[in-house]
Amino acid sequence: MEYYFNVYIAYSEYQHYYSGAAANVVVTSDQGLRLQIPASRFRPFLSQLGIRGRFKLVTDANHKFQSLMRVA
């Protein structure tokens, strides 16, 4: 399964996730589905501005995480 969504998390807000105070990021896919993704999966995309962009989440048939990539 592939899910596309946009994310904007300010750097100061992501510090809550980075410190472990919040474990998951909840996003809404283009299909209208709410997705709960472990915050640690977004760490490679963190910049001084935070995390922003369009992403694609790929899961297996059991909805287990396979990959997360920035597409724009």
PDB file of N, CA and C in Angstrom:
ATOM      1  N   MET A   1       0.844  -1.184   0.000  1.00  0.00           N
ATOM      2  CA  MET A   1       0.000   0.000   0.000  1.00  0.00           C
ATOM      3  C   MET A   1       0.886   1.244   0.000  1.00  0.00           C
ATOM      4  N   GLU A   2       0.445   2.271  -0.698  1.00  0.00           N
ATOM      5  CA  GLU A   2       1.147   3.544  -0.729  1.00  0.00           C
ATOM      6  C   GLU A   2       0.202   4.642  -0.260  1.00  0.00           C
ATOM      7  N   TYR A   3       0.714   5.517   0.580  1.00  0.00           N
ATOM      8  CA  TYR A   3      -0.063   6.634   1.102  1.00  0.00           C
ATOM      9  C   TYR A   3       0.744   7.913   0.885  1.00  0.00           C
ATOM     10  N   TYR A   4       0.108   8.936   0.381  1.00  0.00           N
ATOM     11  CA  TYR A   4       0.745  10.231   0.161  1.00  0.00           C
ATOM     12  C   TYR A   4       0.135  11.244   1.114  1.00  0.00           C
ATOM     13  N   PHE A   5       0.985  12.126   1.646  1.00  0.00           N
ATOM     14  CA  PHE A   5       0.509  13.156   2.577  1.00  0.00           C
ATOM     15  C   PHE A   5       1.528  14.280   2.658  1.00  0.00           C
ATOM     16  N   ASN A   6       1.084  15.416   3.157  1.00  0.00           N
ATOM     17  CA  ASN A   6       1.940  16.578   3.385  1.00  0.00           C
ATOM     18  C   ASN A   6       2.180  16.715   4.879  1.00  0.00           C
ATOM     19  N   VAL A   7       3.380  17.191   5.220  1.00  0.00           N
ATOM     20  CA  VAL A   7       3.737  17.390   6.624  1.00  0.00           C
ATOM     21  C   VAL A   7       4.416  18.736   6.787  1.00  0.00           C
ATOM     22  N   TYR A   8       4.019  19.446   7.834  1.00  0.00           N
ATOM     23  CA  TYR A   8       4.771  20.620   8.273  1.00  0.00           C
ATOM     24  C   TYR A   8       4.822  20.568   9.790  1.00  0.00           C
ATOM     25  N   ILE A   9       5.999  20.335  10.314  1.00  0.00           N
ATOM     26  CA  ILE A   9       6.226  20.347  11.762  1.00  0.00           C
ATOM     27  C   ILE A   9       7.398  21.283  12.008  1.00  0.00           C
ATOM     28  N   ALA A  10       7.159  22.354  12.734  1.00  0.00           N
ATOM     29  CA  ALA A  10       8.222  23.306  13.053  1.00  0.00           C
ATOM     30  C   ALA A  10       9.300  22.620  13.882  1.00  0.00           C
ATOM     31  N   TYR A  11      10.525  23.103  13.763  1.00  0.00           N
ATOM     32  CA  TYR A  11      11.647  22.519  14.487  1.00  0.00           C
ATOM     33  C   TYR A  11      11.358  22.464  15.984  1.00  0.00           C
ATOM     34  N   SER A  12      10.834  23.559  16.538  1.00  0.00           N
ATOM     35  CA  SER A  12      10.558  23.598  17.983  1.00  0.00           C
ATOM     36  C   SER A  12       9.487  22.586  18.378  1.00  0.00           C
ATOM     37  N   GLU A  13       8.529  22.350  17.508  1.00  0.00           N
ATOM     38  CA  GLU A  13       7.491  21.365  17.799  1.00  0.00           C
ATOM     39  C   GLU A  13       8.047  19.944  17.720  1.00  0.00           C
ATOM     40  N   TYR A  14       8.934  19.697  16.762  1.00  0.00           N
ATOM     41  CA  TYR A  14       9.481  18.350  16.608  1.00  0.00           C
ATOM     42  C   TYR A  14      10.359  17.964  17.797  1.00  0.00           C
ATOM     43  N   GLN A  15      10.854  18.918  18.555  1.00  0.00           N
ATOM     44  CA  GLN A  15      11.657  18.600  19.735  1.00  0.00           C
ATOM     45  C   GLN A  15      10.873  17.741  20.718  1.00  0.00           C
ATOM     46  N   HIS A  16       9.546  17.902  20.777  1.00  0.00           N
ATOM     47  CA  HIS A  16       8.712  17.054  21.640  1.00  0.00           C
ATOM     48  C   HIS A  16       8.781  15.595  21.185  1.00  0.00           C
ATOM     49  N   TYR A  17       8.782  15.405  19.877  1.00  0.00           N
ATOM     50  CA  TYR A  17       8.877  14.057  19.334  1.00  0.00           C
ATOM     51  C   TYR A  17      10.287  13.503  19.541  1.00  0.00           C
ATOM     52  N   TYR A  18      11.273  14.335  19.290  1.00  0.00           N
ATOM     53  CA  TYR A  18      12.668  13.905  19.366  1.00  0.00           C
ATOM     54  C   TYR A  18      13.040  13.490  20.790  1.00  0.00           C
ATOM     55  N   SER A  19      12.501  14.219  21.769  1.00  0.00           N
ATOM     56  CA  SER A  19      12.813  13.920  23.163  1.00  0.00           C
ATOM     57  C   SER A  19      12.052  12.708  23.692  1.00  0.00           C
ATOM     58  N   GLY A  20      11.051  12.252  22.927  1.00  0.00           N
ATOM     59  CA  GLY A  20      10.276  11.097  23.365  1.00  0.00           C
ATOM     60  C   GLY A  20       8.987  11.455  24.065  1.00  0.00           C
ATOM     61  N   ALA A  21       8.709  12.753  24.234  1.00  0.00           N
ATOM     62  CA  ALA A  21       7.470  13.166  24.882  1.00  0.00           C
ATOM     63  C   ALA A  21       6.253  12.755  24.050  1.00  0.00           C
ATOM     64  N   ALA A  22       6.425  12.715  22.734  1.00  0.00           N
ATOM     65  CA  ALA A  22       5.372  12.236  21.832  1.00  0.00           C
ATOM     66  C   ALA A  22       6.002  11.165  20.942  1.00  0.00           C
ATOM     67  N   ALA A  23       5.381  10.009  20.874  1.00  0.00           N
ATOM     68  CA  ALA A  23       5.989   8.887  20.162  1.00  0.00           C
ATOM     69  C   ALA A  23       5.602   8.803  18.692  1.00  0.00           C
ATOM     70  N   ASN A  24       4.420   9.317  18.342  1.00  0.00           N
ATOM     71  CA  ASN A  24       3.913   9.146  16.990  1.00  0.00           C
ATOM     72  C   ASN A  24       3.479  10.471  16.373  1.00  0.00           C
ATOM     73  N   VAL A  25       3.607  10.549  15.067  1.00  0.00           N
ATOM     74  CA  VAL A  25       3.090  11.666  14.293  1.00  0.00           C
ATOM     75  C   VAL A  25       1.833  11.157  13.606  1.00  0.00           C
ATOM     76  N   VAL A  26       0.735  11.887  13.736  1.00  0.00           N
ATOM     77  CA  VAL A  26      -0.518  11.497  13.092  1.00  0.00           C
ATOM     78  C   VAL A  26      -0.744  12.438  11.920  1.00  0.00           C
ATOM     79  N   VAL A  27      -0.911  11.862  10.733  1.00  0.00           N
ATOM     80  CA  VAL A  27      -1.135  12.633   9.509  1.00  0.00           C
ATOM     81  C   VAL A  27      -2.398  12.116   8.827  1.00  0.00           C
ATOM     82  N   THR A  28      -2.924  12.916   7.913  1.00  0.00           N
ATOM     83  CA  THR A  28      -4.064  12.503   7.107  1.00  0.00           C
ATOM     84  C   THR A  28      -3.589  12.342   5.675  1.00  0.00           C
ATOM     85  N   SER A  29      -3.801  11.164   5.119  1.00  0.00           N
ATOM     86  CA  SER A  29      -3.367  10.881   3.749  1.00  0.00           C
ATOM     87  C   SER A  29      -4.283  11.578   2.758  1.00  0.00           C
ATOM     88  N   ASP A  30      -3.858  11.620   1.512  1.00  0.00           N
ATOM     89  CA  ASP A  30      -4.684  12.196   0.451  1.00  0.00           C
ATOM     90  C   ASP A  30      -6.020  11.471   0.318  1.00  0.00           C
ATOM     91  N   GLN A  31      -6.075  10.204   0.718  1.00  0.00           N
ATOM     92  CA  GLN A  31      -7.306   9.413   0.653  1.00  0.00           C
ATOM     93  C   GLN A  31      -8.225   9.681   1.841  1.00  0.00           C
ATOM     94  N   GLY A  32      -7.766  10.523   2.791  1.00  0.00           N
ATOM     95  CA  GLY A  32      -8.562  10.849   3.964  1.00  0.00           C
ATOM     96  C   GLY A  32      -8.349   9.917   5.142  1.00  0.00           C
ATOM     97  N   LEU A  33      -7.371   9.027   5.050  1.00  0.00           N
ATOM     98  CA  LEU A  33      -7.080   8.099   6.147  1.00  0.00           C
ATOM     99  C   LEU A  33      -6.126   8.737   7.142  1.00  0.00           C
ATOM    100  N   ARG A  34      -6.381   8.502   8.425  1.00  0.00           N
ATOM    101  CA  ARG A  34      -5.462   8.970   9.465  1.00  0.00           C
ATOM    102  C   ARG A  34      -4.389   7.905   9.643  1.00  0.00           C
ATOM    103  N   LEU A  35      -3.140   8.338   9.538  1.00  0.00           N
ATOM    104  CA  LEU A  35      -2.008   7.426   9.673  1.00  0.00           C
ATOM    105  C   LEU A  35      -1.204   7.811  10.898  1.00  0.00           C
ATOM    106  N   GLN A  36      -0.822   6.833  11.675  1.00  0.00           N
ATOM    107  CA  GLN A  36       0.017   7.037  12.856  1.00  0.00           C
ATOM    108  C   GLN A  36       1.387   6.458  12.549  1.00  0.00           C
ATOM    109  N   ILE A  37       2.383   7.345  12.497  1.00  0.00           N
ATOM    110  CA  ILE A  37       3.735   6.942  12.099  1.00  0.00           C
ATOM    111  C   ILE A  37       4.693   7.246  13.246  1.00  0.00           C
ATOM    112  N   PRO A  38       5.558   6.307  13.612  1.00  0.00           N
ATOM    113  CA  PRO A  38       6.536   6.587  14.668  1.00  0.00           C
ATOM    114  C   PRO A  38       7.360   7.838  14.325  1.00  0.00           C
ATOM    115  N   ALA A  39       7.474   8.739  15.271  1.00  0.00           N
ATOM    116  CA  ALA A  39       8.193   9.995  15.046  1.00  0.00           C
ATOM    117  C   ALA A  39       9.634   9.760  14.628  1.00  0.00           C
ATOM    118  N   SER A  40      10.220   8.683  15.090  1.00  0.00           N
ATOM    119  CA  SER A  40      11.619   8.402  14.752  1.00  0.00           C
ATOM    120  C   SER A  40      11.814   8.203  13.253  1.00  0.00           C
ATOM    121  N   ARG A  41      10.773   7.818  12.531  1.00  0.00           N
ATOM    122  CA  ARG A  41      10.875   7.609  11.077  1.00  0.00           C
ATOM    123  C   ARG A  41      11.096   8.926  10.326  1.00  0.00           C
ATOM    124  N   PHE A  42      10.773  10.054  10.965  1.00  0.00           N
ATOM    125  CA  PHE A  42      10.937  11.360  10.328  1.00  0.00           C
ATOM    126  C   PHE A  42      12.300  11.996  10.605  1.00  0.00           C
ATOM    127  N   ARG A  43      13.086  11.432  11.493  1.00  0.00           N
ATOM    128  CA  ARG A  43      14.377  12.032  11.856  1.00  0.00           C
ATOM    129  C   ARG A  43      15.295  12.301  10.672  1.00  0.00           C
ATOM    130  N   PRO A  44      15.378  11.412   9.675  1.00  0.00           N
ATOM    131  CA  PRO A  44      16.264  11.709   8.539  1.00  0.00           C
ATOM    132  C   PRO A  44      15.854  12.956   7.750  1.00  0.00           C
ATOM    133  N   PHE A  45      14.621  13.412   7.922  1.00  0.00           N
ATOM    134  CA  PHE A  45      14.113  14.543   7.157  1.00  0.00           C
ATOM    135  C   PHE A  45      14.130  15.851   7.944  1.00  0.00           C
ATOM    136  N   LEU A  46      14.665  15.829   9.162  1.00  0.00           N
ATOM    137  CA  LEU A  46      14.684  17.007  10.024  1.00  0.00           C
ATOM    138  C   LEU A  46      15.743  18.001   9.570  1.00  0.00           C
ATOM    139  N   SER A  47      15.338  19.260   9.429  1.00  0.00           N
ATOM    140  CA  SER A  47      16.273  20.343   9.084  1.00  0.00           C
ATOM    141  C   SER A  47      16.100  21.455  10.110  1.00  0.00           C
ATOM    142  N   GLN A  48      16.792  22.556   9.904  1.00  0.00           N
ATOM    143  CA  GLN A  48      16.665  23.698  10.806  1.00  0.00           C
ATOM    144  C   GLN A  48      15.261  24.279  10.785  1.00  0.00           C
ATOM    145  N   LEU A  49      14.526  24.047   9.720  1.00  0.00           N
ATOM    146  CA  LEU A  49      13.147  24.531   9.610  1.00  0.00           C
ATOM    147  C   LEU A  49      12.149  23.557  10.216  1.00  0.00           C
ATOM    148  N   GLY A  50      12.586  22.361  10.506  1.00  0.00           N
ATOM    149  CA  GLY A  50      11.698  21.320  11.004  1.00  0.00           C
ATOM    150  C   GLY A  50      11.546  20.247   9.955  1.00  0.00           C
ATOM    151  N   ILE A  51      10.332  19.750   9.822  1.00  0.00           N
ATOM    152  CA  ILE A  51      10.036  18.747   8.802  1.00  0.00           C
ATOM    153  C   ILE A  51       8.915  19.298   7.945  1.00  0.00           C
ATOM    154  N   ARG A  52       9.182  19.399   6.653  1.00  0.00           N
ATOM    155  CA  ARG A  52       8.143  19.881   5.750  1.00  0.00           C
ATOM    156  C   ARG A  52       8.310  19.234   4.399  1.00  0.00           C
ATOM    157  N   GLY A  53       7.185  19.022   3.739  1.00  0.00           N
ATOM    158  CA  GLY A  53       7.219  18.450   2.411  1.00  0.00           C
ATOM    159  C   GLY A  53       6.114  17.452   2.185  1.00  0.00           C
ATOM    160  N   ARG A  54       6.182  16.848   1.045  1.00  0.00           N
ATOM    161  CA  ARG A  54       5.232  15.811   0.657  1.00  0.00           C
ATOM    162  C   ARG A  54       5.946  14.465   0.788  1.00  0.00           C
ATOM    163  N   PHE A  55       5.261  13.507   1.379  1.00  0.00           N
ATOM    164  CA  PHE A  55       5.863  12.222   1.678  1.00  0.00           C
ATOM    165  C   PHE A  55       5.021  11.071   1.132  1.00  0.00           C
ATOM    166  N   LYS A  56       5.717   9.942   0.956  1.00  0.00           N
ATOM    167  CA  LYS A  56       5.048   8.701   0.572  1.00  0.00           C
ATOM    168  C   LYS A  56       5.417   7.645   1.606  1.00  0.00           C
ATOM    169  N   LEU A  57       4.405   7.040   2.182  1.00  0.00           N
ATOM    170  CA  LEU A  57       4.574   5.936   3.117  1.00  0.00           C
ATOM    171  C   LEU A  57       4.196   4.653   2.393  1.00  0.00           C
ATOM    172  N   VAL A  58       5.058   3.654   2.473  1.00  0.00           N
ATOM    173  CA  VAL A  58       4.785   2.348   1.875  1.00  0.00           C
ATOM    174  C   VAL A  58       4.670   1.336   3.006  1.00  0.00           C
ATOM    175  N   THR A  59       3.581   0.537   2.955  1.00  0.00           N
ATOM    176  CA  THR A  59       3.378  -0.521   3.948  1.00  0.00           C
ATOM    177  C   THR A  59       3.171  -1.851   3.233  1.00  0.00           C
ATOM    178  N   ASP A  60       3.323  -2.932   3.981  1.00  0.00           N
ATOM    179  CA  ASP A  60       3.046  -4.252   3.407  1.00  0.00           C
ATOM    180  C   ASP A  60       1.550  -4.550   3.508  1.00  0.00           C
ATOM    181  N   ALA A  61       1.158  -5.759   3.138  1.00  0.00           N
ATOM    182  CA  ALA A  61      -0.259  -6.141   3.141  1.00  0.00           C
ATOM    183  C   ALA A  61      -0.863  -6.127   4.547  1.00  0.00           C
ATOM    184  N   ASN A  62      -0.010  -6.237   5.578  1.00  0.00           N
ATOM    185  CA  ASN A  62      -0.476  -6.207   6.971  1.00  0.00           C
ATOM    186  C   ASN A  62      -0.368  -4.817   7.577  1.00  0.00           C
ATOM    187  N   HIS A  63      -0.144  -3.811   6.736  1.00  0.00           N
ATOM    188  CA  HIS A  63      -0.024  -2.406   7.151  1.00  0.00           C
ATOM    189  C   HIS A  63       1.190  -2.149   8.033  1.00  0.00           C
ATOM    190  N   LYS A  64       2.208  -2.951   7.869  1.00  0.00           N
ATOM    191  CA  LYS A  64       3.475  -2.749   8.595  1.00  0.00           C
ATOM    192  C   LYS A  64       4.385  -1.852   7.766  1.00  0.00           C
ATOM    193  N   PHE A  65       5.096  -0.987   8.441  1.00  0.00           N
ATOM    194  CA  PHE A  65       5.992  -0.022   7.798  1.00  0.00           C
ATOM    195  C   PHE A  65       6.997  -0.712   6.885  1.00  0.00           C
ATOM    196  N   GLN A  66       7.156  -0.169   5.682  1.00  0.00           N
ATOM    197  CA  GLN A  66       8.194  -0.608   4.762  1.00  0.00           C
ATOM    198  C   GLN A  66       9.178   0.529   4.483  1.00  0.00           C
ATOM    199  N   SER A  67       8.644   1.711   4.108  1.00  0.00           N
ATOM    200  CA  SER A  67       9.536   2.837   3.837  1.00  0.00           C
ATOM    201  C   SER A  67       8.769   4.158   3.911  1.00  0.00           C
ATOM    202  N   LEU A  68       9.543   5.216   4.119  1.00  0.00           N
ATOM    203  CA  LEU A  68       9.022   6.576   4.120  1.00  0.00           C
ATOM    204  C   LEU A  68       9.993   7.405   3.315  1.00  0.00           C
ATOM    205  N   MET A  69       9.490   8.139   2.343  1.00  0.00           N
ATOM    206  CA  MET A  69      10.380   8.971   1.535  1.00  0.00           C
ATOM    207  C   MET A  69       9.710  10.300   1.218  1.00  0.00           C
ATOM    208  N   ARG A  70      10.562  11.326   1.087  1.00  0.00           N
ATOM    209  CA  ARG A  70      10.057  12.631   0.678  1.00  0.00           C
ATOM    210  C   ARG A  70       9.959  12.611  -0.840  1.00  0.00           C
ATOM    211  N   VAL A  71       8.833  13.057  -1.372  1.00  0.00           N
ATOM    212  CA  VAL A  71       8.639  13.051  -2.819  1.00  0.00           C
ATOM    213  C   VAL A  71       8.621  14.469  -3.395  1.00  0.00           C
ATOM    214  N   ALA A  72       8.516  15.468  -2.566  1.00  0.00           N
ATOM    215  CA  ALA A  72       8.559  16.859  -3.057  1.00  0.00           C
ATOM    216  C   ALA A  72       8.920  17.791  -1.920  1.00  0.00           C
TER     217      ALA A  72
END
